[in-house]
Amino acid sequence: SLNWSGTFHGVGARLLREYAGRIGLDPNFTIHDRQDSGDLTNLVR
């Protein structure tokens, strides 16, 4: 089976969790969808 098959965003999320410790990310980071991102933008605004 192909273990690394997916969308750019899906593979990116998987790699970032795997390498989180080496790039200063918490492996349990949350991913915001567009609506959540808009809400956070509005909060900062």
PDB file of all heavy atoms in Angstrom:
ATOM      1  N   SER A   1       0.844  -1.197   0.000  1.00  0.00           N
ATOM      2  CA  SER A   1       0.000   0.000   0.000  1.00  0.00           C
ATOM      3  C   SER A   1       0.875   1.241   0.000  1.00  0.00           C
ATOM      4  O   SER A   1       2.035   1.213   0.421  1.00  0.00           O
ATOM      5  CB  SER A   1      -0.916   0.001   1.226  1.00  0.00           C
ATOM      6  OG  SER A   1      -0.151  -0.024   2.406  1.00  0.00           O
ATOM      7  N   LEU A   2       0.292   2.348  -0.480  1.00  0.00           N
ATOM      8  CA  LEU A   2       1.008   3.626  -0.496  1.00  0.00           C
ATOM      9  C   LEU A   2       0.745   4.337   0.825  1.00  0.00           C
ATOM     10  O   LEU A   2      -0.377   4.767   1.094  1.00  0.00           O
ATOM     11  CB  LEU A   2       0.523   4.475  -1.671  1.00  0.00           C
ATOM     12  CG  LEU A   2       0.761   3.902  -3.069  1.00  0.00           C
ATOM     13  CD1 LEU A   2       0.155   4.816  -4.114  1.00  0.00           C
ATOM     14  CD2 LEU A   2       2.245   3.707  -3.334  1.00  0.00           C
ATOM     15  N   ASN A   3       1.775   4.469   1.636  1.00  0.00           N
ATOM     16  CA  ASN A   3       1.621   5.087   2.951  1.00  0.00           C
ATOM     17  C   ASN A   3       1.570   6.605   2.877  1.00  0.00           C
ATOM     18  O   ASN A   3       1.055   7.256   3.785  1.00  0.00           O
ATOM     19  CB  ASN A   3       2.758   4.646   3.875  1.00  0.00           C
ATOM     20  CG  ASN A   3       2.733   3.162   4.155  1.00  0.00           C
ATOM     21  OD1 ASN A   3       1.666   2.569   4.262  1.00  0.00           O
ATOM     22  ND2 ASN A   3       3.904   2.545   4.244  1.00  0.00           N
ATOM     23  N   TRP A   4       2.130   7.168   1.813  1.00  0.00           N
ATOM     24  CA  TRP A   4       2.194   8.621   1.695  1.00  0.00           C
ATOM     25  C   TRP A   4       1.438   9.060   0.439  1.00  0.00           C
ATOM     26  O   TRP A   4       2.029   9.432  -0.562  1.00  0.00           O
ATOM     27  CB  TRP A   4       3.645   9.105   1.659  1.00  0.00           C
ATOM     28  CG  TRP A   4       4.297   9.015   2.997  1.00  0.00           C
ATOM     29  CD1 TRP A   4       5.030   7.981   3.496  1.00  0.00           C
ATOM     30  CD2 TRP A   4       4.241   9.994   4.035  1.00  0.00           C
ATOM     31  NE1 TRP A   4       5.439   8.254   4.769  1.00  0.00           N
ATOM     32  CE2 TRP A   4       4.980   9.487   5.139  1.00  0.00           C
ATOM     33  CE3 TRP A   4       3.655  11.256   4.156  1.00  0.00           C
ATOM     34  CZ2 TRP A   4       5.135  10.199   6.320  1.00  0.00           C
ATOM     35  CZ3 TRP A   4       3.813  11.963   5.334  1.00  0.00           C
ATOM     36  CH2 TRP A   4       4.544  11.443   6.399  1.00  0.00           C
ATOM     37  N   SER A   5       0.128   8.996   0.533  1.00  0.00           N
ATOM     38  CA  SER A   5      -0.738   9.393  -0.564  1.00  0.00           C
ATOM     39  C   SER A   5      -1.819  10.305   0.001  1.00  0.00           C
ATOM     40  O   SER A   5      -2.511   9.934   0.942  1.00  0.00           O
ATOM     41  CB  SER A   5      -1.366   8.156  -1.212  1.00  0.00           C
ATOM     42  OG  SER A   5      -2.336   8.527  -2.161  1.00  0.00           O
ATOM     43  N   GLY A   6      -1.959  11.514  -0.528  1.00  0.00           N
ATOM     44  CA  GLY A   6      -2.961  12.427   0.008  1.00  0.00           C
ATOM     45  C   GLY A   6      -2.861  13.795  -0.621  1.00  0.00           C
ATOM     46  O   GLY A   6      -2.134  14.012  -1.592  1.00  0.00           O
ATOM     47  N   THR A   7      -3.598  14.739  -0.059  1.00  0.00           N
ATOM     48  CA  THR A   7      -3.576  16.112  -0.544  1.00  0.00           C
ATOM     49  C   THR A   7      -2.334  16.831  -0.026  1.00  0.00           C
ATOM     50  O   THR A   7      -1.688  16.398   0.929  1.00  0.00           O
ATOM     51  CB  THR A   7      -4.817  16.876  -0.075  1.00  0.00           C
ATOM     52  OG1 THR A   7      -4.764  16.997   1.352  1.00  0.00           O
ATOM     53  CG2 THR A   7      -6.097  16.158  -0.470  1.00  0.00           C
ATOM     54  N   PHE A   8      -1.991  17.957  -0.650  1.00  0.00           N
ATOM     55  CA  PHE A   8      -0.890  18.775  -0.154  1.00  0.00           C
ATOM     56  C   PHE A   8      -1.114  19.144   1.311  1.00  0.00           C
ATOM     57  O   PHE A   8      -0.200  19.035   2.135  1.00  0.00           O
ATOM     58  CB  PHE A   8      -0.772  20.058  -0.986  1.00  0.00           C
ATOM     59  CG  PHE A   8       0.113  19.938  -2.193  1.00  0.00           C
ATOM     60  CD1 PHE A   8      -0.421  19.617  -3.431  1.00  0.00           C
ATOM     61  CD2 PHE A   8       1.474  20.149  -2.097  1.00  0.00           C
ATOM     62  CE1 PHE A   8       0.377  19.519  -4.552  1.00  0.00           C
ATOM     63  CE2 PHE A   8       2.300  20.052  -3.211  1.00  0.00           C
ATOM     64  CZ  PHE A   8       1.742  19.736  -4.453  1.00  0.00           C
ATOM     65  N   HIS A   9      -2.340  19.570   1.642  1.00  0.00           N
ATOM     66  CA  HIS A   9      -2.609  20.013   3.006  1.00  0.00           C
ATOM     67  C   HIS A   9      -2.583  18.838   3.975  1.00  0.00           C
ATOM     68  O   HIS A   9      -2.079  18.963   5.097  1.00  0.00           O
ATOM     69  CB  HIS A   9      -3.960  20.726   3.066  1.00  0.00           C
ATOM     70  CG  HIS A   9      -3.977  22.044   2.354  1.00  0.00           C
ATOM     71  ND1 HIS A   9      -4.270  22.146   1.021  1.00  0.00           N
ATOM     72  CD2 HIS A   9      -3.738  23.302   2.791  1.00  0.00           C
ATOM     73  CE1 HIS A   9      -4.205  23.428   0.661  1.00  0.00           C
ATOM     74  NE2 HIS A   9      -3.896  24.149   1.717  1.00  0.00           N
ATOM     75  N   GLY A  10      -3.119  17.692   3.548  1.00  0.00           N
ATOM     76  CA  GLY A  10      -3.128  16.523   4.430  1.00  0.00           C
ATOM     77  C   GLY A  10      -1.725  16.005   4.709  1.00  0.00           C
ATOM     78  O   GLY A  10      -1.373  15.702   5.855  1.00  0.00           O
ATOM     79  N   VAL A  11      -0.907  15.899   3.668  1.00  0.00           N
ATOM     80  CA  VAL A  11       0.474  15.447   3.851  1.00  0.00           C
ATOM     81  C   VAL A  11       1.255  16.474   4.660  1.00  0.00           C
ATOM     82  O   VAL A  11       2.063  16.124   5.530  1.00  0.00           O
ATOM     83  CB  VAL A  11       1.141  15.205   2.480  1.00  0.00           C
ATOM     84  CG1 VAL A  11       2.645  14.984   2.630  1.00  0.00           C
ATOM     85  CG2 VAL A  11       0.508  13.998   1.790  1.00  0.00           C
ATOM     86  N   GLY A  12       0.988  17.765   4.394  1.00  0.00           N
ATOM     87  CA  GLY A  12       1.666  18.809   5.159  1.00  0.00           C
ATOM     88  C   GLY A  12       1.360  18.705   6.642  1.00  0.00           C
ATOM     89  O   GLY A  12       2.269  18.793   7.485  1.00  0.00           O
ATOM     90  N   ALA A  13       0.090  18.498   6.998  1.00  0.00           N
ATOM     91  CA  ALA A  13      -0.284  18.365   8.412  1.00  0.00           C
ATOM     92  C   ALA A  13       0.416  17.167   9.045  1.00  0.00           C
ATOM     93  O   ALA A  13       0.899  17.238  10.182  1.00  0.00           O
ATOM     94  CB  ALA A  13      -1.800  18.213   8.539  1.00  0.00           C
ATOM     95  N   ARG A  14       0.485  16.076   8.310  1.00  0.00           N
ATOM     96  CA  ARG A  14       1.124  14.864   8.835  1.00  0.00           C
ATOM     97  C   ARG A  14       2.616  15.076   9.066  1.00  0.00           C
ATOM     98  O   ARG A  14       3.166  14.680  10.104  1.00  0.00           O
ATOM     99  CB  ARG A  14       0.893  13.726   7.838  1.00  0.00           C
ATOM    100  CG  ARG A  14       1.375  12.369   8.304  1.00  0.00           C
ATOM    101  CD  ARG A  14       0.974  11.315   7.284  1.00  0.00           C
ATOM    102  NE  ARG A  14       1.654  10.062   7.524  1.00  0.00           N
ATOM    103  CZ  ARG A  14       1.596   9.009   6.703  1.00  0.00           C
ATOM    104  NH1 ARG A  14       0.864   9.093   5.600  1.00  0.00           N
ATOM    105  NH2 ARG A  14       2.244   7.896   6.982  1.00  0.00           N
ATOM    106  N   LEU A  15       3.279  15.726   8.122  1.00  0.00           N
ATOM    107  CA  LEU A  15       4.713  15.981   8.280  1.00  0.00           C
ATOM    108  C   LEU A  15       4.985  16.960   9.414  1.00  0.00           C
ATOM    109  O   LEU A  15       5.953  16.801  10.173  1.00  0.00           O
ATOM    110  CB  LEU A  15       5.290  16.526   6.967  1.00  0.00           C
ATOM    111  CG  LEU A  15       5.436  15.524   5.821  1.00  0.00           C
ATOM    112  CD1 LEU A  15       5.833  16.237   4.536  1.00  0.00           C
ATOM    113  CD2 LEU A  15       6.485  14.459   6.174  1.00  0.00           C
ATOM    114  N   LEU A  16       4.128  17.971   9.549  1.00  0.00           N
ATOM    115  CA  LEU A  16       4.345  18.954  10.608  1.00  0.00           C
ATOM    116  C   LEU A  16       4.185  18.323  11.984  1.00  0.00           C
ATOM    117  O   LEU A  16       4.929  18.669  12.915  1.00  0.00           O
ATOM    118  CB  LEU A  16       3.367  20.124  10.450  1.00  0.00           C
ATOM    119  CG  LEU A  16       3.577  21.015   9.213  1.00  0.00           C
ATOM    120  CD1 LEU A  16       2.566  22.148   9.187  1.00  0.00           C
ATOM    121  CD2 LEU A  16       4.994  21.563   9.153  1.00  0.00           C
ATOM    122  N   ARG A  17       3.235  17.415  12.148  1.00  0.00           N
ATOM    123  CA  ARG A  17       3.110  16.730  13.445  1.00  0.00           C
ATOM    124  C   ARG A  17       4.327  15.855  13.697  1.00  0.00           C
ATOM    125  O   ARG A  17       4.815  15.766  14.826  1.00  0.00           O
ATOM    126  CB  ARG A  17       1.838  15.889  13.471  1.00  0.00           C
ATOM    127  CG  ARG A  17       0.559  16.714  13.487  1.00  0.00           C
ATOM    128  CD  ARG A  17      -0.624  15.929  14.029  1.00  0.00           C
ATOM    129  NE  ARG A  17      -1.890  16.619  13.777  1.00  0.00           N
ATOM    130  CZ  ARG A  17      -2.367  17.590  14.531  1.00  0.00           C
ATOM    131  NH1 ARG A  17      -1.691  18.002  15.592  1.00  0.00           N
ATOM    132  NH2 ARG A  17      -3.530  18.167  14.241  1.00  0.00           N
ATOM    133  N   GLU A  18       4.822  15.211  12.652  1.00  0.00           N
ATOM    134  CA  GLU A  18       5.975  14.322  12.820  1.00  0.00           C
ATOM    135  C   GLU A  18       7.242  15.103  13.164  1.00  0.00           C
ATOM    136  O   GLU A  18       8.059  14.653  13.965  1.00  0.00           O
ATOM    137  CB  GLU A  18       6.182  13.525  11.533  1.00  0.00           C
ATOM    138  CG  GLU A  18       7.260  12.463  11.634  1.00  0.00           C
ATOM    139  CD  GLU A  18       7.327  11.585  10.395  1.00  0.00           C
ATOM    140  OE1 GLU A  18       6.261  11.291   9.810  1.00  0.00           O
ATOM    141  OE2 GLU A  18       8.448  11.203  10.013  1.00  0.00           O
ATOM    142  N   TYR A  19       7.402  16.271  12.560  1.00  0.00           N
ATOM    143  CA  TYR A  19       8.613  17.061  12.771  1.00  0.00           C
ATOM    144  C   TYR A  19       8.391  18.210  13.765  1.00  0.00           C
ATOM    145  O   TYR A  19       9.245  19.091  13.889  1.00  0.00           O
ATOM    146  CB  TYR A  19       9.101  17.651  11.440  1.00  0.00           C
ATOM    147  CG  TYR A  19       9.756  16.643  10.525  1.00  0.00           C
ATOM    148  CD1 TYR A  19       9.000  15.816   9.708  1.00  0.00           C
ATOM    149  CD2 TYR A  19      11.140  16.508  10.479  1.00  0.00           C
ATOM    150  CE1 TYR A  19       9.587  14.886   8.864  1.00  0.00           C
ATOM    151  CE2 TYR A  19      11.743  15.594   9.640  1.00  0.00           C
ATOM    152  CZ  TYR A  19      10.964  14.784   8.835  1.00  0.00           C
ATOM    153  OH  TYR A  19      11.564  13.863   7.994  1.00  0.00           O
ATOM    154  N   ALA A  20       7.251  18.195  14.464  1.00  0.00           N
ATOM    155  CA  ALA A  20       6.887  19.321  15.333  1.00  0.00           C
ATOM    156  C   ALA A  20       7.991  19.680  16.314  1.00  0.00           C
ATOM    157  O   ALA A  20       8.312  20.857  16.515  1.00  0.00           O
ATOM    158  CB  ALA A  20       5.585  19.002  16.073  1.00  0.00           C
ATOM    159  N   GLY A  21       8.573  18.677  16.944  1.00  0.00           N
ATOM    160  CA  GLY A  21       9.605  18.944  17.942  1.00  0.00           C
ATOM    161  C   GLY A  21      10.821  19.633  17.377  1.00  0.00           C
ATOM    162  O   GLY A  21      11.540  20.342  18.103  1.00  0.00           O
ATOM    163  N   ARG A  22      11.078  19.469  16.100  1.00  0.00           N
ATOM    164  CA  ARG A  22      12.270  20.061  15.473  1.00  0.00           C
ATOM    165  C   ARG A  22      12.002  21.432  14.879  1.00  0.00           C
ATOM    166  O   ARG A  22      12.941  22.113  14.454  1.00  0.00           O
ATOM    167  CB  ARG A  22      12.802  19.113  14.393  1.00  0.00           C
ATOM    168  CG  ARG A  22      13.236  17.772  14.962  1.00  0.00           C
ATOM    169  CD  ARG A  22      13.592  16.777  13.873  1.00  0.00           C
ATOM    170  NE  ARG A  22      14.689  17.230  13.020  1.00  0.00           N
ATOM    171  CZ  ARG A  22      15.172  16.535  11.995  1.00  0.00           C
ATOM    172  NH1 ARG A  22      14.643  15.344  11.701  1.00  0.00           N
ATOM    173  NH2 ARG A  22      16.165  16.998  11.264  1.00  0.00           N
ATOM    174  N   ILE A  23      10.730  21.834  14.800  1.00  0.00           N
ATOM    175  CA  ILE A  23      10.418  23.132  14.197  1.00  0.00           C
ATOM    176  C   ILE A  23       9.637  24.033  15.156  1.00  0.00           C
ATOM    177  O   ILE A  23       9.059  25.037  14.740  1.00  0.00           O
ATOM    178  CB  ILE A  23       9.640  22.955  12.881  1.00  0.00           C
ATOM    179  CG1 ILE A  23       8.344  22.176  13.111  1.00  0.00           C
ATOM    180  CG2 ILE A  23      10.489  22.260  11.833  1.00  0.00           C
ATOM    181  CD1 ILE A  23       7.474  22.052  11.860  1.00  0.00           C
ATOM    182  N   GLY A  24       9.627  23.669  16.449  1.00  0.00           N
ATOM    183  CA  GLY A  24       9.030  24.534  17.452  1.00  0.00           C
ATOM    184  C   GLY A  24       7.525  24.517  17.504  1.00  0.00           C
ATOM    185  O   GLY A  24       6.918  25.500  17.954  1.00  0.00           O
ATOM    186  N   LEU A  25       6.887  23.427  17.075  1.00  0.00           N
ATOM    187  CA  LEU A  25       5.436  23.311  17.145  1.00  0.00           C
ATOM    188  C   LEU A  25       5.042  22.319  18.225  1.00  0.00           C
ATOM    189  O   LEU A  25       5.757  21.354  18.488  1.00  0.00           O
ATOM    190  CB  LEU A  25       4.864  22.820  15.805  1.00  0.00           C
ATOM    191  CG  LEU A  25       4.583  23.845  14.711  1.00  0.00           C
ATOM    192  CD1 LEU A  25       4.080  23.129  13.459  1.00  0.00           C
ATOM    193  CD2 LEU A  25       3.575  24.882  15.154  1.00  0.00           C
ATOM    194  N   ASP A  26       3.882  22.551  18.819  1.00  0.00           N
ATOM    195  CA  ASP A  26       3.282  21.564  19.703  1.00  0.00           C
ATOM    196  C   ASP A  26       2.635  20.497  18.823  1.00  0.00           C
ATOM    197  O   ASP A  26       1.822  20.816  17.956  1.00  0.00           O
ATOM    198  CB  ASP A  26       2.213  22.236  20.573  1.00  0.00           C
ATOM    199  CG  ASP A  26       1.598  21.282  21.598  1.00  0.00           C
ATOM    200  OD1 ASP A  26       1.620  20.058  21.368  1.00  0.00           O
ATOM    201  OD2 ASP A  26       1.089  21.769  22.625  1.00  0.00           O
ATOM    202  N   PRO A  27       2.967  19.210  18.996  1.00  0.00           N
ATOM    203  CA  PRO A  27       2.382  18.169  18.135  1.00  0.00           C
ATOM    204  C   PRO A  27       0.861  18.126  18.199  1.00  0.00           C
ATOM    205  O   PRO A  27       0.220  17.599  17.284  1.00  0.00           O
ATOM    206  CB  PRO A  27       2.990  16.869  18.684  1.00  0.00           C
ATOM    207  CG  PRO A  27       4.224  17.293  19.415  1.00  0.00           C
ATOM    208  CD  PRO A  27       3.938  18.655  19.957  1.00  0.00           C
ATOM    209  N   ASN A  28       0.266  18.690  19.256  1.00  0.00           N
ATOM    210  CA  ASN A  28      -1.192  18.690  19.387  1.00  0.00           C
ATOM    211  C   ASN A  28      -1.828  19.966  18.844  1.00  0.00           C
ATOM    212  O   ASN A  28      -2.926  20.342  19.255  1.00  0.00           O
ATOM    213  CB  ASN A  28      -1.588  18.509  20.858  1.00  0.00           C
ATOM    214  CG  ASN A  28      -1.223  17.140  21.382  1.00  0.00           C
ATOM    215  OD1 ASN A  28      -1.323  16.146  20.667  1.00  0.00           O
ATOM    216  ND2 ASN A  28      -0.781  17.079  22.626  1.00  0.00           N
ATOM    217  N   PHE A  29      -1.134  20.647  17.916  1.00  0.00           N
ATOM    218  CA  PHE A  29      -1.683  21.890  17.381  1.00  0.00           C
ATOM    219  C   PHE A  29      -3.056  21.627  16.751  1.00  0.00           C
ATOM    220  O   PHE A  29      -3.362  20.547  16.253  1.00  0.00           O
ATOM    221  CB  PHE A  29      -0.744  22.522  16.361  1.00  0.00           C
ATOM    222  CG  PHE A  29      -0.467  21.692  15.124  1.00  0.00           C
ATOM    223  CD1 PHE A  29      -1.379  21.625  14.082  1.00  0.00           C
ATOM    224  CD2 PHE A  29       0.731  20.995  14.999  1.00  0.00           C
ATOM    225  CE1 PHE A  29      -1.121  20.881  12.948  1.00  0.00           C
ATOM    226  CE2 PHE A  29       1.001  20.247  13.867  1.00  0.00           C
ATOM    227  CZ  PHE A  29       0.072  20.192  12.831  1.00  0.00           C
ATOM    228  N   THR A  30      -3.898  22.673  16.801  1.00  0.00           N
ATOM    229  CA  THR A  30      -5.237  22.623  16.221  1.00  0.00           C
ATOM    230  C   THR A  30      -5.202  23.227  14.821  1.00  0.00           C
ATOM    231  O   THR A  30      -4.443  24.164  14.563  1.00  0.00           O
ATOM    232  CB  THR A  30      -6.227  23.423  17.092  1.00  0.00           C
ATOM    233  OG1 THR A  30      -6.212  22.899  18.416  1.00  0.00           O
ATOM    234  CG2 THR A  30      -7.645  23.327  16.547  1.00  0.00           C
ATOM    235  N   ILE A  31      -6.037  22.698  13.930  1.00  0.00           N
ATOM    236  CA  ILE A  31      -6.145  23.250  12.578  1.00  0.00           C
ATOM    237  C   ILE A  31      -7.481  23.964  12.451  1.00  0.00           C
ATOM    238  O   ILE A  31      -8.533  23.357  12.647  1.00  0.00           O
ATOM    239  CB  ILE A  31      -6.022  22.146  11.514  1.00  0.00           C
ATOM    240  CG1 ILE A  31      -4.684  21.417  11.639  1.00  0.00           C
ATOM    241  CG2 ILE A  31      -6.146  22.760  10.108  1.00  0.00           C
ATOM    242  CD1 ILE A  31      -4.560  20.215  10.729  1.00  0.00           C
ATOM    243  N   HIS A  32      -7.438  25.245  12.131  1.00  0.00           N
ATOM    244  CA  HIS A  32      -8.647  26.037  11.940  1.00  0.00           C
ATOM    245  C   HIS A  32      -9.137  25.910  10.505  1.00  0.00           C
ATOM    246  O   HIS A  32      -8.331  25.978   9.562  1.00  0.00           O
ATOM    247  CB  HIS A  32      -8.373  27.510  12.221  1.00  0.00           C
ATOM    248  CG  HIS A  32      -8.510  27.870  13.665  1.00  0.00           C
ATOM    249  ND1 HIS A  32      -8.344  29.163  14.120  1.00  0.00           N
ATOM    250  CD2 HIS A  32      -8.796  27.123  14.768  1.00  0.00           C
ATOM    251  CE1 HIS A  32      -8.523  29.197  15.437  1.00  0.00           C
ATOM    252  NE2 HIS A  32      -8.789  27.965  15.846  1.00  0.00           N
ATOM    253  N   ASP A  33     -10.450  25.747  10.327  1.00  0.00           N
ATOM    254  CA  ASP A  33     -11.012  25.839   8.987  1.00  0.00           C
ATOM    255  C   ASP A  33     -11.172  27.320   8.640  1.00  0.00           C
ATOM    256  O   ASP A  33     -10.833  28.207   9.427  1.00  0.00           O
ATOM    257  CB  ASP A  33     -12.328  25.073   8.875  1.00  0.00           C
ATOM    258  CG  ASP A  33     -13.411  25.601   9.820  1.00  0.00           C
ATOM    259  OD1 ASP A  33     -13.309  26.765  10.264  1.00  0.00           O
ATOM    260  OD2 ASP A  33     -14.356  24.845  10.125  1.00  0.00           O
ATOM    261  N   ARG A  34     -11.686  27.585   7.439  1.00  0.00           N
ATOM    262  CA  ARG A  34     -11.770  28.969   6.970  1.00  0.00           C
ATOM    263  C   ARG A  34     -12.650  29.826   7.882  1.00  0.00           C
ATOM    264  O   ARG A  34     -12.349  30.997   8.124  1.00  0.00           O
ATOM    265  CB  ARG A  34     -12.304  29.001   5.537  1.00  0.00           C
ATOM    266  CG  ARG A  34     -11.327  28.476   4.496  1.00  0.00           C
ATOM    267  CD  ARG A  34     -10.108  29.356   4.380  1.00  0.00           C
ATOM    268  NE  ARG A  34      -9.210  28.911   3.319  1.00  0.00           N
ATOM    269  CZ  ARG A  34      -7.964  29.327   3.176  1.00  0.00           C
ATOM    270  NH1 ARG A  34      -7.456  30.203   4.040  1.00  0.00           N
ATOM    271  NH2 ARG A  34      -7.209  28.875   2.202  1.00  0.00           N
ATOM    272  N   GLN A  35     -13.730  29.264   8.359  1.00  0.00           N
ATOM    273  CA  GLN A  35     -14.632  30.050   9.200  1.00  0.00           C
ATOM    274  C   GLN A  35     -13.972  30.378  10.537  1.00  0.00           C
ATOM    275  O   GLN A  35     -14.067  31.511  11.029  1.00  0.00           O
ATOM    276  CB  GLN A  35     -15.938  29.295   9.417  1.00  0.00           C
ATOM    277  CG  GLN A  35     -16.999  30.136  10.116  1.00  0.00           C
ATOM    278  CD  GLN A  35     -18.365  29.474  10.108  1.00  0.00           C
ATOM    279  OE1 GLN A  35     -18.635  28.601   9.286  1.00  0.00           O
ATOM    280  NE2 GLN A  35     -19.232  29.881  11.016  1.00  0.00           N
ATOM    281  N   ASP A  36     -13.288  29.411  11.126  1.00  0.00           N
ATOM    282  CA  ASP A  36     -12.578  29.673  12.380  1.00  0.00           C
ATOM    283  C   ASP A  36     -11.477  30.708  12.168  1.00  0.00           C
ATOM    284  O   ASP A  36     -11.252  31.583  13.014  1.00  0.00           O
ATOM    285  CB  ASP A  36     -11.973  28.384  12.928  1.00  0.00           C
ATOM    286  CG  ASP A  36     -13.035  27.425  13.447  1.00  0.00           C
ATOM    287  OD1 ASP A  36     -14.109  27.895  13.837  1.00  0.00           O
ATOM    288  OD2 ASP A  36     -12.786  26.210  13.454  1.00  0.00           O
ATOM    289  N   SER A  37     -10.777  30.590  11.039  1.00  0.00           N
ATOM    290  CA  SER A  37      -9.711  31.559  10.740  1.00  0.00           C
ATOM    291  C   SER A  37     -10.292  32.957  10.594  1.00  0.00           C
ATOM    292  O   SER A  37      -9.705  33.944  11.056  1.00  0.00           O
ATOM    293  CB  SER A  37      -8.974  31.152   9.458  1.00  0.00           C
ATOM    294  OG  SER A  37      -8.377  29.887   9.593  1.00  0.00           O
ATOM    295  N   GLY A  38     -11.460  33.055   9.940  1.00  0.00           N
ATOM    296  CA  GLY A  38     -12.117  34.353   9.820  1.00  0.00           C
ATOM    297  C   GLY A  38     -12.512  34.912  11.170  1.00  0.00           C
ATOM    298  O   GLY A  38     -12.385  36.120  11.415  1.00  0.00           O
ATOM    299  N   ASP A  39     -12.993  34.039  12.053  1.00  0.00           N
ATOM    300  CA  ASP A  39     -13.376  34.504  13.396  1.00  0.00           C
ATOM    301  C   ASP A  39     -12.168  35.012  14.176  1.00  0.00           C
ATOM    302  O   ASP A  39     -12.254  36.037  14.876  1.00  0.00           O
ATOM    303  CB  ASP A  39     -14.041  33.365  14.169  1.00  0.00           C
ATOM    304  CG  ASP A  39     -15.418  33.019  13.616  1.00  0.00           C
ATOM    305  OD1 ASP A  39     -15.988  33.852  12.890  1.00  0.00           O
ATOM    306  OD2 ASP A  39     -15.909  31.910  13.903  1.00  0.00           O
ATOM    307  N   LEU A  40     -11.045  34.318  14.063  1.00  0.00           N
ATOM    308  CA  LEU A  40      -9.840  34.769  14.771  1.00  0.00           C
ATOM    309  C   LEU A  40      -9.333  36.077  14.168  1.00  0.00           C
ATOM    310  O   LEU A  40      -8.903  36.984  14.897  1.00  0.00           O
ATOM    311  CB  LEU A  40      -8.752  33.689  14.707  1.00  0.00           C
ATOM    312  CG  LEU A  40      -7.446  34.013  15.442  1.00  0.00           C
ATOM    313  CD1 LEU A  40      -7.711  34.336  16.909  1.00  0.00           C
ATOM    314  CD2 LEU A  40      -6.456  32.859  15.324  1.00  0.00           C
ATOM    315  N   THR A  41      -9.389  36.182  12.846  1.00  0.00           N
ATOM    316  CA  THR A  41      -9.009  37.440  12.197  1.00  0.00           C
ATOM    317  C   THR A  41      -9.876  38.587  12.706  1.00  0.00           C
ATOM    318  O   THR A  41      -9.386  39.688  12.986  1.00  0.00           O
ATOM    319  CB  THR A  41      -9.155  37.316  10.668  1.00  0.00           C
ATOM    320  OG1 THR A  41      -8.360  36.230  10.199  1.00  0.00           O
ATOM    321  CG2 THR A  41      -8.719  38.588   9.969  1.00  0.00           C
ATOM    322  N   ASN A  42     -11.168  38.322  12.845  1.00  0.00           N
ATOM    323  CA  ASN A  42     -12.086  39.352  13.316  1.00  0.00           C
ATOM    324  C   ASN A  42     -11.794  39.736  14.758  1.00  0.00           C
ATOM    325  O   ASN A  42     -11.867  40.920  15.142  1.00  0.00           O
ATOM    326  CB  ASN A  42     -13.523  38.859  13.180  1.00  0.00           C
ATOM    327  CG  ASN A  42     -14.526  39.999  13.138  1.00  0.00           C
ATOM    328  OD1 ASN A  42     -14.249  41.050  12.569  1.00  0.00           O
ATOM    329  ND2 ASN A  42     -15.685  39.795  13.731  1.00  0.00           N
ATOM    330  N   LEU A  43     -11.447  38.751  15.583  1.00  0.00           N
ATOM    331  CA  LEU A  43     -11.106  39.024  16.977  1.00  0.00           C
ATOM    332  C   LEU A  43      -9.890  39.941  17.063  1.00  0.00           C
ATOM    333  O   LEU A  43      -9.887  40.942  17.794  1.00  0.00           O
ATOM    334  CB  LEU A  43     -10.832  37.705  17.699  1.00  0.00           C
ATOM    335  CG  LEU A  43     -10.488  37.784  19.184  1.00  0.00           C
ATOM    336  CD1 LEU A  43     -11.655  38.343  19.985  1.00  0.00           C
ATOM    337  CD2 LEU A  43     -10.108  36.402  19.714  1.00  0.00           C
ATOM    338  N   VAL A  44      -8.872  39.631  16.289  1.00  0.00           N
ATOM    339  CA  VAL A  44      -7.664  40.469  16.276  1.00  0.00           C
ATOM    340  C   VAL A  44      -7.988  41.851  15.705  1.00  0.00           C
ATOM    341  O   VAL A  44      -7.501  42.874  16.196  1.00  0.00           O
ATOM    342  CB  VAL A  44      -6.559  39.782  15.446  1.00  0.00           C
ATOM    343  CG1 VAL A  44      -5.347  40.688  15.311  1.00  0.00           C
ATOM    344  CG2 VAL A  44      -6.163  38.449  16.079  1.00  0.00           C
ATOM    345  N   ARG A  45      -8.821  41.870  14.683  1.00  0.00           N
ATOM    346  CA  ARG A  45      -9.227  43.130  14.058  1.00  0.00           C
ATOM    347  C   ARG A  45      -9.891  44.057  15.074  1.00  0.00           C
ATOM    348  O   ARG A  45      -9.628  45.268  15.106  1.00  0.00           O
ATOM    349  CB  ARG A  45     -10.190  42.787  12.916  1.00  0.00           C
ATOM    350  CG  ARG A  45     -10.751  43.915  12.112  1.00  0.00           C
ATOM    351  CD  ARG A  45     -11.567  43.330  10.946  1.00  0.00           C
ATOM    352  NE  ARG A  45     -12.338  44.332  10.256  1.00  0.00           N
ATOM    353  CZ  ARG A  45     -13.563  44.717  10.599  1.00  0.00           C
ATOM    354  NH1 ARG A  45     -14.144  44.166  11.658  1.00  0.00           N
ATOM    355  NH2 ARG A  45     -14.203  45.640   9.912  1.00  0.00           N
TER     356      ARG A  45
END
